[in-house]
Amino acid sequence: MVISELKFSPRTLLERIIEDAIRSYGRTRRALIPLLQNIQENFGYLPKWSLEIVSNHLRVPISAIYGISTFYHQFNLEPQGEYVIQLCMGTACHINGNSENYAFLLKTLGLDEGRNTTEDGLFTVLKVRCLGCCSLAPVMKVNDDIYGKVNFRTIRKIISKYRVEAERKKVLRVQQHPGETYGNLGKPMAVDG
């Protein structure tokens, strides 16, 4: 489940997630990582307001929670796009042009160094240390799909492929759920009430 599919408030969902973690792990620090994983799974990222609530419930300093959530790359403090693009910056990929590919990708998607998610929420671009596919350098990963030997031309094709896929998904959602209010990505919008 993602936040856009909620039938109740985000705060209520968070309280349920915290209660489940406390039942499983107790009110201890060892509950923290599984709890953060569950929050991210449900919200798509770790909203800052949720970390303060976790801090209060687990009696763990907010600084410790931020330390963990920024240390591990699995956690995101900002909403991620539907398609998360990772460009490998390991040695093989770097010397084979992924720095240039990164700059090209940002320009193609209308992003700058300070912003890594497109305004429509479709793409998030991240630099990563190594994807472990050195023989395919330079490498780009989109969600679970790996693309090797990428260049400006192949990047344009890959982005186009995912734009078409997103549009197809949007059309299917609208056909399957007529009459619902939809956001940019064609997902039903949560309404707090």
N, C-alpha and C. Protein backbone atom coordinates (compact mmCIF):
# COMPACT_ATOMS: atom_id res chain seq x y z
N MET A 1 0.84 -1.17 0.00
CA MET A 1 0.00 0.00 0.00
C MET A 1 0.89 1.23 0.00
N VAL A 2 0.50 2.23 -0.73
CA VAL A 2 1.20 3.51 -0.73
C VAL A 2 0.25 4.58 -0.25
N ILE A 3 0.81 5.70 0.15
CA ILE A 3 0.01 6.76 0.77
C ILE A 3 -1.16 7.20 -0.11
N SER A 4 -1.00 7.17 -1.42
CA SER A 4 -2.07 7.64 -2.30
C SER A 4 -3.28 6.72 -2.26
N GLU A 5 -3.16 5.52 -1.68
CA GLU A 5 -4.27 4.58 -1.63
C GLU A 5 -4.93 4.54 -0.25
N LEU A 6 -4.54 5.45 0.65
CA LEU A 6 -5.05 5.43 2.01
C LEU A 6 -6.55 5.68 2.06
N LYS A 7 -7.21 4.98 2.97
CA LYS A 7 -8.62 5.22 3.24
C LYS A 7 -8.76 5.96 4.58
N PHE A 8 -7.63 6.25 5.24
CA PHE A 8 -7.62 6.97 6.50
C PHE A 8 -6.40 7.88 6.50
N SER A 9 -6.24 8.67 7.56
CA SER A 9 -5.20 9.69 7.56
C SER A 9 -3.79 9.10 7.65
N PRO A 10 -2.79 9.83 7.14
CA PRO A 10 -1.40 9.39 7.27
C PRO A 10 -0.99 9.20 8.73
N ARG A 11 -1.48 10.04 9.60
CA ARG A 11 -1.14 9.94 11.03
C ARG A 11 -1.66 8.62 11.61
N THR A 12 -2.88 8.24 11.24
CA THR A 12 -3.46 6.98 11.71
C THR A 12 -2.64 5.80 11.20
N LEU A 13 -2.25 5.84 9.94
CA LEU A 13 -1.40 4.78 9.40
C LEU A 13 -0.09 4.69 10.17
N LEU A 14 0.54 5.82 10.41
CA LEU A 14 1.81 5.84 11.14
C LEU A 14 1.64 5.24 12.53
N GLU A 15 0.58 5.62 13.22
CA GLU A 15 0.33 5.08 14.57
C GLU A 15 0.20 3.56 14.53
N ARG A 16 -0.48 3.04 13.52
CA ARG A 16 -0.62 1.57 13.38
C ARG A 16 0.73 0.91 13.12
N ILE A 17 1.55 1.52 12.28
CA ILE A 17 2.88 0.98 11.98
C ILE A 17 3.73 0.95 13.25
N ILE A 18 3.68 2.03 14.02
CA ILE A 18 4.46 2.11 15.26
C ILE A 18 3.97 1.07 16.26
N GLU A 19 2.66 0.94 16.41
CA GLU A 19 2.11 -0.06 17.34
C GLU A 19 2.57 -1.47 16.98
N ASP A 20 2.55 -1.79 15.67
CA ASP A 20 3.00 -3.12 15.23
C ASP A 20 4.47 -3.33 15.56
N ALA A 21 5.30 -2.33 15.36
CA ALA A 21 6.74 -2.46 15.65
C ALA A 21 6.98 -2.64 17.14
N ILE A 22 6.25 -1.90 17.95
CA ILE A 22 6.42 -2.02 19.41
C ILE A 22 5.96 -3.40 19.88
N ARG A 23 4.88 -3.91 19.29
CA ARG A 23 4.43 -5.27 19.63
C ARG A 23 5.49 -6.30 19.28
N SER A 24 6.14 -6.13 18.11
CA SER A 24 7.14 -7.11 17.65
C SER A 24 8.50 -6.98 18.33
N TYR A 25 8.94 -5.75 18.57
CA TYR A 25 10.31 -5.52 19.03
C TYR A 25 10.41 -4.87 20.41
N GLY A 26 9.30 -4.44 20.95
CA GLY A 26 9.34 -3.69 22.20
C GLY A 26 9.67 -2.23 21.91
N ARG A 27 9.68 -1.45 22.97
CA ARG A 27 9.95 -0.01 22.84
C ARG A 27 11.47 0.19 22.94
N THR A 28 12.20 -0.38 21.98
CA THR A 28 13.66 -0.35 22.02
C THR A 28 14.23 0.14 20.69
N ARG A 29 15.54 0.42 20.71
CA ARG A 29 16.21 0.86 19.49
C ARG A 29 16.20 -0.21 18.40
N ARG A 30 16.13 -1.47 18.80
CA ARG A 30 16.15 -2.52 17.77
C ARG A 30 14.88 -2.50 16.91
N ALA A 31 13.86 -1.80 17.35
CA ALA A 31 12.65 -1.64 16.55
C ALA A 31 12.84 -0.58 15.46
N LEU A 32 13.87 0.25 15.59
CA LEU A 32 13.99 1.43 14.75
C LEU A 32 14.14 1.13 13.26
N ILE A 33 15.10 0.30 12.88
CA ILE A 33 15.31 0.06 11.44
C ILE A 33 14.10 -0.64 10.81
N PRO A 34 13.57 -1.72 11.39
CA PRO A 34 12.36 -2.31 10.78
C PRO A 34 11.19 -1.32 10.72
N LEU A 35 11.09 -0.47 11.74
CA LEU A 35 10.03 0.53 11.76
C LEU A 35 10.21 1.54 10.63
N LEU A 36 11.44 2.04 10.44
CA LEU A 36 11.70 2.98 9.35
C LEU A 36 11.46 2.32 8.00
N GLN A 37 11.83 1.05 7.87
CA GLN A 37 11.58 0.33 6.61
C GLN A 37 10.09 0.24 6.33
N ASN A 38 9.31 -0.03 7.35
CA ASN A 38 7.87 -0.15 7.18
C ASN A 38 7.24 1.21 6.84
N ILE A 39 7.72 2.26 7.48
CA ILE A 39 7.21 3.60 7.17
C ILE A 39 7.51 3.93 5.70
N GLN A 40 8.74 3.67 5.29
CA GLN A 40 9.11 3.98 3.91
C GLN A 40 8.31 3.13 2.92
N GLU A 41 8.08 1.88 3.25
CA GLU A 41 7.30 1.01 2.36
C GLU A 41 5.89 1.55 2.17
N ASN A 42 5.32 2.10 3.23
CA ASN A 42 3.94 2.59 3.17
C ASN A 42 3.81 4.01 2.63
N PHE A 43 4.79 4.86 2.91
CA PHE A 43 4.70 6.26 2.49
C PHE A 43 5.55 6.56 1.24
N GLY A 44 6.46 5.65 0.90
CA GLY A 44 7.34 5.88 -0.24
C GLY A 44 8.61 6.64 0.14
N TYR A 45 8.65 7.16 1.35
CA TYR A 45 9.81 7.88 1.89
C TYR A 45 9.57 8.05 3.38
N LEU A 46 10.50 8.71 4.08
CA LEU A 46 10.36 8.95 5.51
C LEU A 46 10.00 10.42 5.74
N PRO A 47 8.71 10.71 5.85
CA PRO A 47 8.34 12.11 6.10
C PRO A 47 8.97 12.60 7.42
N LYS A 48 9.46 13.82 7.41
CA LYS A 48 10.13 14.35 8.60
C LYS A 48 9.21 14.34 9.83
N TRP A 49 7.92 14.65 9.64
CA TRP A 49 6.99 14.64 10.77
C TRP A 49 6.88 13.26 11.39
N SER A 50 7.03 12.20 10.56
CA SER A 50 6.91 10.84 11.09
C SER A 50 8.09 10.48 11.99
N LEU A 51 9.27 11.03 11.68
CA LEU A 51 10.45 10.73 12.48
C LEU A 51 10.33 11.31 13.89
N GLU A 52 9.70 12.47 14.00
CA GLU A 52 9.48 13.08 15.32
C GLU A 52 8.53 12.23 16.16
N ILE A 53 7.52 11.69 15.52
CA ILE A 53 6.56 10.85 16.23
C ILE A 53 7.23 9.53 16.67
N VAL A 54 8.04 8.96 15.78
CA VAL A 54 8.79 7.74 16.11
C VAL A 54 9.69 8.02 17.31
N SER A 55 10.37 9.14 17.29
CA SER A 55 11.26 9.52 18.39
C SER A 55 10.51 9.53 19.72
N ASN A 56 9.34 10.12 19.73
CA ASN A 56 8.54 10.19 20.95
C ASN A 56 8.08 8.81 21.42
N HIS A 57 7.61 7.97 20.48
CA HIS A 57 7.11 6.65 20.85
C HIS A 57 8.22 5.71 21.33
N LEU A 58 9.36 5.73 20.65
CA LEU A 58 10.45 4.81 21.02
C LEU A 58 11.39 5.40 22.07
N ARG A 59 11.21 6.69 22.34
CA ARG A 59 12.10 7.39 23.28
C ARG A 59 13.55 7.32 22.81
N VAL A 60 13.72 7.54 21.51
CA VAL A 60 15.04 7.58 20.87
C VAL A 60 15.23 9.01 20.40
N PRO A 61 16.40 9.60 20.66
CA PRO A 61 16.61 10.99 20.22
C PRO A 61 16.44 11.14 18.70
N ILE A 62 15.84 12.25 18.31
CA ILE A 62 15.62 12.51 16.88
C ILE A 62 16.94 12.52 16.13
N SER A 63 18.02 12.96 16.77
CA SER A 63 19.33 12.97 16.12
C SER A 63 19.79 11.56 15.76
N ALA A 64 19.48 10.58 16.61
CA ALA A 64 19.85 9.19 16.32
C ALA A 64 19.03 8.66 15.14
N ILE A 65 17.76 9.05 15.10
CA ILE A 65 16.90 8.60 14.00
C ILE A 65 17.37 9.21 12.68
N TYR A 66 17.71 10.52 12.69
CA TYR A 66 18.24 11.14 11.47
C TYR A 66 19.57 10.51 11.08
N GLY A 67 20.39 10.19 12.06
CA GLY A 67 21.67 9.54 11.78
C GLY A 67 21.48 8.23 11.02
N ILE A 68 20.56 7.42 11.47
CA ILE A 68 20.28 6.13 10.81
C ILE A 68 19.64 6.35 9.45
N SER A 69 18.67 7.26 9.38
CA SER A 69 17.94 7.44 8.12
C SER A 69 18.79 8.11 7.04
N THR A 70 19.86 8.80 7.43
CA THR A 70 20.75 9.39 6.42
C THR A 70 21.97 8.51 6.14
N PHE A 71 22.30 7.62 7.06
CA PHE A 71 23.45 6.73 6.86
C PHE A 71 23.14 5.64 5.83
N TYR A 72 21.98 5.01 5.96
CA TYR A 72 21.61 3.91 5.07
C TYR A 72 20.95 4.45 3.81
N HIS A 73 21.48 4.03 2.66
CA HIS A 73 20.97 4.51 1.37
C HIS A 73 19.56 4.02 1.04
N GLN A 74 19.09 3.01 1.77
CA GLN A 74 17.75 2.50 1.50
C GLN A 74 16.66 3.49 1.91
N PHE A 75 17.02 4.46 2.76
CA PHE A 75 16.03 5.40 3.27
C PHE A 75 16.07 6.72 2.49
N ASN A 76 14.89 7.29 2.28
CA ASN A 76 14.75 8.55 1.58
C ASN A 76 13.96 9.52 2.45
N LEU A 77 14.48 10.74 2.58
CA LEU A 77 13.78 11.75 3.38
C LEU A 77 12.88 12.63 2.52
N GLU A 78 12.93 12.42 1.22
CA GLU A 78 12.09 13.17 0.28
C GLU A 78 11.32 12.17 -0.57
N PRO A 79 10.12 12.54 -1.04
CA PRO A 79 9.37 11.64 -1.92
C PRO A 79 10.19 11.29 -3.17
N GLN A 80 10.09 10.05 -3.58
CA GLN A 80 10.80 9.58 -4.77
C GLN A 80 9.82 9.49 -5.93
N GLY A 81 10.36 9.58 -7.13
CA GLY A 81 9.53 9.46 -8.32
C GLY A 81 9.06 8.02 -8.52
N GLU A 82 8.11 7.86 -9.41
CA GLU A 82 7.63 6.52 -9.73
C GLU A 82 8.77 5.67 -10.29
N TYR A 83 9.67 6.31 -11.04
CA TYR A 83 10.84 5.62 -11.59
C TYR A 83 12.08 6.24 -10.98
N VAL A 84 12.81 5.43 -10.22
CA VAL A 84 14.03 5.90 -9.59
C VAL A 84 15.20 5.46 -10.48
N ILE A 85 15.91 6.47 -11.00
CA ILE A 85 17.04 6.23 -11.90
C ILE A 85 18.32 6.37 -11.10
N GLN A 86 19.12 5.32 -11.13
CA GLN A 86 20.41 5.35 -10.43
C GLN A 86 21.51 5.30 -11.48
N LEU A 87 22.40 6.28 -11.42
CA LEU A 87 23.56 6.26 -12.29
C LEU A 87 24.77 5.88 -11.47
N CYS A 88 25.44 4.82 -11.91
CA CYS A 88 26.62 4.32 -11.20
C CYS A 88 27.77 5.30 -11.38
N MET A 89 28.43 5.61 -10.28
CA MET A 89 29.60 6.48 -10.31
C MET A 89 30.84 5.75 -9.82
N GLY A 90 30.79 4.41 -9.88
CA GLY A 90 31.98 3.62 -9.57
C GLY A 90 33.06 3.92 -10.60
N THR A 91 34.26 3.45 -10.35
CA THR A 91 35.39 3.78 -11.20
C THR A 91 35.14 3.46 -12.67
N ALA A 92 34.71 2.24 -12.97
CA ALA A 92 34.51 1.84 -14.38
C ALA A 92 33.46 2.72 -15.06
N CYS A 93 32.37 2.98 -14.38
CA CYS A 93 31.31 3.82 -14.97
C CYS A 93 31.74 5.27 -15.09
N HIS A 94 32.45 5.75 -14.10
CA HIS A 94 32.91 7.14 -14.12
C HIS A 94 33.85 7.39 -15.30
N ILE A 95 34.84 6.52 -15.47
CA ILE A 95 35.81 6.74 -16.57
C ILE A 95 35.21 6.46 -17.94
N ASN A 96 34.05 5.76 -17.96
CA ASN A 96 33.39 5.49 -19.23
C ASN A 96 32.24 6.47 -19.53
N GLY A 97 32.17 7.56 -18.76
CA GLY A 97 31.26 8.64 -19.16
C GLY A 97 30.00 8.85 -18.35
N ASN A 98 29.83 8.20 -17.19
CA ASN A 98 28.58 8.40 -16.49
C ASN A 98 28.44 9.76 -15.83
N SER A 99 29.54 10.46 -15.60
CA SER A 99 29.41 11.84 -15.10
C SER A 99 28.73 12.71 -16.16
N GLU A 100 29.14 12.54 -17.41
CA GLU A 100 28.52 13.27 -18.51
C GLU A 100 27.07 12.82 -18.71
N ASN A 101 26.84 11.49 -18.56
CA ASN A 101 25.48 10.97 -18.69
C ASN A 101 24.57 11.55 -17.60
N TYR A 102 25.11 11.70 -16.41
CA TYR A 102 24.34 12.27 -15.30
C TYR A 102 23.93 13.71 -15.63
N ALA A 103 24.87 14.50 -16.08
CA ALA A 103 24.57 15.90 -16.44
C ALA A 103 23.53 15.94 -17.57
N PHE A 104 23.67 15.06 -18.55
CA PHE A 104 22.73 15.00 -19.66
C PHE A 104 21.33 14.61 -19.16
N LEU A 105 21.28 13.64 -18.28
CA LEU A 105 20.00 13.18 -17.75
C LEU A 105 19.30 14.29 -16.96
N LEU A 106 20.04 15.00 -16.13
CA LEU A 106 19.45 16.12 -15.39
C LEU A 106 18.88 17.15 -16.36
N LYS A 107 19.65 17.49 -17.39
CA LYS A 107 19.20 18.48 -18.37
C LYS A 107 17.97 17.97 -19.12
N THR A 108 17.99 16.71 -19.53
CA THR A 108 16.87 16.11 -20.26
C THR A 108 15.59 16.14 -19.45
N LEU A 109 15.71 15.92 -18.14
CA LEU A 109 14.53 15.87 -17.28
C LEU A 109 14.18 17.22 -16.65
N GLY A 110 14.97 18.26 -16.97
CA GLY A 110 14.71 19.59 -16.44
C GLY A 110 15.04 19.73 -14.97
N LEU A 111 16.06 19.01 -14.52
CA LEU A 111 16.49 19.07 -13.12
C LEU A 111 17.80 19.82 -13.00
N ASP A 112 18.10 20.24 -11.78
CA ASP A 112 19.41 20.82 -11.52
C ASP A 112 20.01 20.09 -10.34
N GLU A 113 21.25 20.41 -9.98
CA GLU A 113 21.95 19.69 -8.91
C GLU A 113 21.20 19.68 -7.59
N GLY A 114 20.41 20.70 -7.30
CA GLY A 114 19.73 20.78 -6.02
C GLY A 114 18.41 20.03 -5.96
N ARG A 115 17.92 19.57 -7.09
CA ARG A 115 16.61 18.91 -7.15
C ARG A 115 16.75 17.64 -7.96
N ASN A 116 16.36 16.51 -7.38
CA ASN A 116 16.56 15.26 -8.10
C ASN A 116 15.27 14.55 -8.50
N THR A 117 14.10 15.14 -8.22
CA THR A 117 12.84 14.53 -8.64
C THR A 117 12.09 15.51 -9.54
N THR A 118 11.58 14.99 -10.65
CA THR A 118 10.87 15.85 -11.61
C THR A 118 9.59 16.39 -10.99
N GLU A 119 9.14 17.54 -11.49
CA GLU A 119 7.95 18.20 -10.95
C GLU A 119 6.71 17.31 -11.02
N ASP A 120 6.63 16.46 -12.05
CA ASP A 120 5.47 15.59 -12.19
C ASP A 120 5.57 14.34 -11.33
N GLY A 121 6.67 14.18 -10.60
CA GLY A 121 6.84 13.02 -9.72
C GLY A 121 7.13 11.73 -10.45
N LEU A 122 7.46 11.82 -11.72
CA LEU A 122 7.68 10.61 -12.50
C LEU A 122 9.08 10.03 -12.30
N PHE A 123 10.11 10.90 -12.28
CA PHE A 123 11.49 10.41 -12.20
C PHE A 123 12.24 11.02 -11.02
N THR A 124 13.06 10.19 -10.38
CA THR A 124 14.05 10.65 -9.41
C THR A 124 15.40 10.16 -9.92
N VAL A 125 16.39 11.04 -9.93
CA VAL A 125 17.73 10.69 -10.41
C VAL A 125 18.71 10.71 -9.24
N LEU A 126 19.43 9.61 -9.08
CA LEU A 126 20.39 9.49 -7.99
C LEU A 126 21.74 9.01 -8.51
N LYS A 127 22.81 9.53 -7.92
CA LYS A 127 24.14 8.98 -8.14
C LYS A 127 24.34 7.89 -7.10
N VAL A 128 24.88 6.75 -7.52
CA VAL A 128 25.19 5.68 -6.57
C VAL A 128 26.64 5.27 -6.73
N ARG A 129 27.19 4.67 -5.69
CA ARG A 129 28.61 4.33 -5.69
C ARG A 129 28.96 3.24 -6.68
N CYS A 130 28.23 2.13 -6.65
CA CYS A 130 28.53 1.03 -7.56
C CYS A 130 27.32 0.12 -7.66
N LEU A 131 26.98 -0.28 -8.87
CA LEU A 131 25.87 -1.21 -9.08
C LEU A 131 26.37 -2.64 -9.29
N GLY A 132 27.69 -2.82 -9.31
CA GLY A 132 28.25 -4.16 -9.43
C GLY A 132 28.15 -4.76 -10.83
N CYS A 133 28.07 -3.92 -11.84
CA CYS A 133 27.96 -4.38 -13.23
C CYS A 133 29.08 -3.77 -14.06
N CYS A 134 30.29 -3.80 -13.55
CA CYS A 134 31.40 -3.06 -14.15
C CYS A 134 31.66 -3.42 -15.60
N SER A 135 31.40 -4.66 -15.99
CA SER A 135 31.65 -5.05 -17.38
C SER A 135 30.66 -4.39 -18.35
N LEU A 136 29.59 -3.82 -17.82
CA LEU A 136 28.58 -3.14 -18.65
C LEU A 136 28.74 -1.62 -18.64
N ALA A 137 29.79 -1.13 -18.01
CA ALA A 137 29.97 0.31 -17.82
C ALA A 137 29.92 1.09 -19.13
N PRO A 138 29.27 2.27 -19.06
CA PRO A 138 28.58 2.90 -17.94
C PRO A 138 27.18 2.34 -17.77
N VAL A 139 26.75 2.23 -16.51
CA VAL A 139 25.50 1.57 -16.17
C VAL A 139 24.49 2.55 -15.57
N MET A 140 23.22 2.31 -15.91
CA MET A 140 22.10 3.06 -15.36
C MET A 140 21.05 2.04 -14.94
N LYS A 141 20.44 2.27 -13.78
CA LYS A 141 19.38 1.38 -13.29
C LYS A 141 18.11 2.20 -13.13
N VAL A 142 16.99 1.67 -13.63
CA VAL A 142 15.69 2.30 -13.45
C VAL A 142 14.82 1.29 -12.70
N ASN A 143 14.49 1.64 -11.45
CA ASN A 143 13.82 0.70 -10.54
C ASN A 143 14.63 -0.60 -10.51
N ASP A 144 14.11 -1.69 -11.05
CA ASP A 144 14.85 -2.95 -11.02
C ASP A 144 15.51 -3.30 -12.35
N ASP A 145 15.40 -2.44 -13.35
CA ASP A 145 15.95 -2.71 -14.68
C ASP A 145 17.35 -2.10 -14.82
N ILE A 146 18.30 -2.91 -15.28
CA ILE A 146 19.69 -2.46 -15.47
C ILE A 146 19.94 -2.23 -16.96
N TYR A 147 20.57 -1.11 -17.28
CA TYR A 147 20.93 -0.79 -18.66
C TYR A 147 22.44 -0.55 -18.72
N GLY A 148 23.11 -1.27 -19.60
CA GLY A 148 24.55 -1.14 -19.73
C GLY A 148 24.94 -0.40 -21.00
N LYS A 149 26.19 0.08 -20.99
CA LYS A 149 26.77 0.80 -22.14
C LYS A 149 25.88 1.99 -22.54
N VAL A 150 25.34 2.70 -21.54
CA VAL A 150 24.42 3.81 -21.86
C VAL A 150 25.18 5.03 -22.37
N ASN A 151 24.50 5.77 -23.22
CA ASN A 151 25.01 7.03 -23.76
C ASN A 151 23.82 7.96 -23.94
N PHE A 152 24.06 9.14 -24.45
CA PHE A 152 22.97 10.11 -24.58
C PHE A 152 21.79 9.55 -25.38
N ARG A 153 22.08 8.86 -26.47
CA ARG A 153 21.03 8.32 -27.33
C ARG A 153 20.21 7.26 -26.60
N THR A 154 20.89 6.32 -25.92
CA THR A 154 20.15 5.27 -25.22
C THR A 154 19.39 5.83 -24.02
N ILE A 155 19.94 6.84 -23.37
CA ILE A 155 19.24 7.46 -22.24
C ILE A 155 17.94 8.09 -22.72
N ARG A 156 17.97 8.78 -23.85
CA ARG A 156 16.74 9.37 -24.40
C ARG A 156 15.69 8.28 -24.65
N LYS A 157 16.12 7.16 -25.23
CA LYS A 157 15.19 6.05 -25.52
C LYS A 157 14.63 5.45 -24.23
N ILE A 158 15.47 5.29 -23.22
CA ILE A 158 15.04 4.70 -21.95
C ILE A 158 14.01 5.61 -21.28
N ILE A 159 14.28 6.90 -21.25
CA ILE A 159 13.35 7.86 -20.64
C ILE A 159 12.01 7.84 -21.39
N SER A 160 12.08 7.80 -22.70
CA SER A 160 10.87 7.76 -23.51
C SER A 160 10.06 6.50 -23.20
N LYS A 161 10.73 5.37 -23.06
CA LYS A 161 10.07 4.10 -22.74
C LYS A 161 9.27 4.23 -21.43
N TYR A 162 9.88 4.82 -20.41
CA TYR A 162 9.20 4.93 -19.12
C TYR A 162 8.10 5.99 -19.14
N ARG A 163 8.24 7.02 -19.94
CA ARG A 163 7.15 8.00 -20.08
C ARG A 163 5.92 7.32 -20.71
N VAL A 164 6.15 6.52 -21.74
CA VAL A 164 5.06 5.80 -22.39
C VAL A 164 4.41 4.82 -21.41
N GLU A 165 5.25 4.10 -20.66
CA GLU A 165 4.73 3.15 -19.68
C GLU A 165 3.88 3.87 -18.62
N ALA A 166 4.34 5.01 -18.15
CA ALA A 166 3.60 5.77 -17.13
C ALA A 166 2.26 6.23 -17.69
N GLU A 167 2.24 6.68 -18.91
CA GLU A 167 1.00 7.13 -19.53
C GLU A 167 0.02 5.97 -19.68
N ARG A 168 0.55 4.81 -20.07
CA ARG A 168 -0.29 3.61 -20.22
C ARG A 168 -0.90 3.21 -18.86
N LYS A 169 -0.08 3.26 -17.80
CA LYS A 169 -0.58 2.94 -16.46
C LYS A 169 -1.66 3.93 -16.03
N LYS A 170 -1.45 5.19 -16.34
CA LYS A 170 -2.41 6.23 -15.97
C LYS A 170 -3.76 5.97 -16.65
N VAL A 171 -3.71 5.65 -17.93
CA VAL A 171 -4.94 5.37 -18.67
C VAL A 171 -5.65 4.16 -18.08
N LEU A 172 -4.91 3.11 -17.75
CA LEU A 172 -5.52 1.91 -17.16
C LEU A 172 -6.16 2.21 -15.81
N ARG A 173 -5.50 3.01 -14.98
CA ARG A 173 -6.06 3.35 -13.66
C ARG A 173 -7.36 4.12 -13.82
N VAL A 174 -7.37 5.06 -14.75
CA VAL A 174 -8.58 5.86 -14.97
C VAL A 174 -9.71 4.98 -15.48
N GLN A 175 -9.40 4.03 -16.38
CA GLN A 175 -10.42 3.12 -16.90
C GLN A 175 -10.96 2.19 -15.82
N GLN A 176 -10.07 1.76 -14.91
CA GLN A 176 -10.48 0.82 -13.87
C GLN A 176 -11.22 1.50 -12.72
N HIS A 177 -10.99 2.80 -12.54
CA HIS A 177 -11.60 3.54 -11.42
C HIS A 177 -12.21 4.85 -11.91
N PRO A 178 -13.21 4.78 -12.78
CA PRO A 178 -13.80 6.03 -13.29
C PRO A 178 -14.46 6.83 -12.17
N GLY A 179 -14.39 8.14 -12.31
CA GLY A 179 -15.04 9.01 -11.35
C GLY A 179 -14.19 9.38 -10.14
N GLU A 180 -12.99 8.78 -9.98
CA GLU A 180 -12.12 9.15 -8.86
C GLU A 180 -11.26 10.33 -9.24
N THR A 181 -10.79 11.06 -8.26
CA THR A 181 -9.90 12.19 -8.49
C THR A 181 -8.47 11.66 -8.61
N TYR A 182 -7.75 12.10 -9.62
CA TYR A 182 -6.41 11.60 -9.87
C TYR A 182 -5.39 12.71 -9.90
N GLY A 183 -4.19 12.39 -9.40
CA GLY A 183 -3.06 13.32 -9.44
C GLY A 183 -2.30 13.16 -10.74
N ASN A 184 -1.10 13.72 -10.78
CA ASN A 184 -0.26 13.70 -12.00
C ASN A 184 0.03 12.31 -12.52
N LEU A 185 0.18 11.33 -11.62
CA LEU A 185 0.58 10.01 -12.05
C LEU A 185 -0.59 9.07 -12.24
N GLY A 186 -1.80 9.60 -12.16
CA GLY A 186 -2.97 8.77 -12.39
C GLY A 186 -3.33 7.90 -11.20
N LYS A 187 -2.82 8.23 -10.01
CA LYS A 187 -3.15 7.48 -8.81
C LYS A 187 -4.25 8.22 -8.06
N PRO A 188 -5.18 7.47 -7.44
CA PRO A 188 -6.18 8.16 -6.64
C PRO A 188 -5.48 9.01 -5.57
N MET A 189 -6.00 10.21 -5.36
CA MET A 189 -5.38 11.11 -4.39
C MET A 189 -5.98 10.90 -3.01
N ALA A 190 -5.11 10.87 -2.00
CA ALA A 190 -5.59 10.74 -0.62
C ALA A 190 -6.19 12.06 -0.18
N VAL A 191 -7.26 11.97 0.53
CA VAL A 191 -7.91 13.18 1.03
C VAL A 191 -8.03 13.02 2.54
N ASP A 192 -7.37 13.90 3.29
CA ASP A 192 -7.50 13.86 4.74
C ASP A 192 -8.79 14.57 5.12
N GLY A 193 -9.49 14.02 6.07
CA GLY A 193 -10.73 14.66 6.42
C GLY A 193 -11.00 14.63 7.82
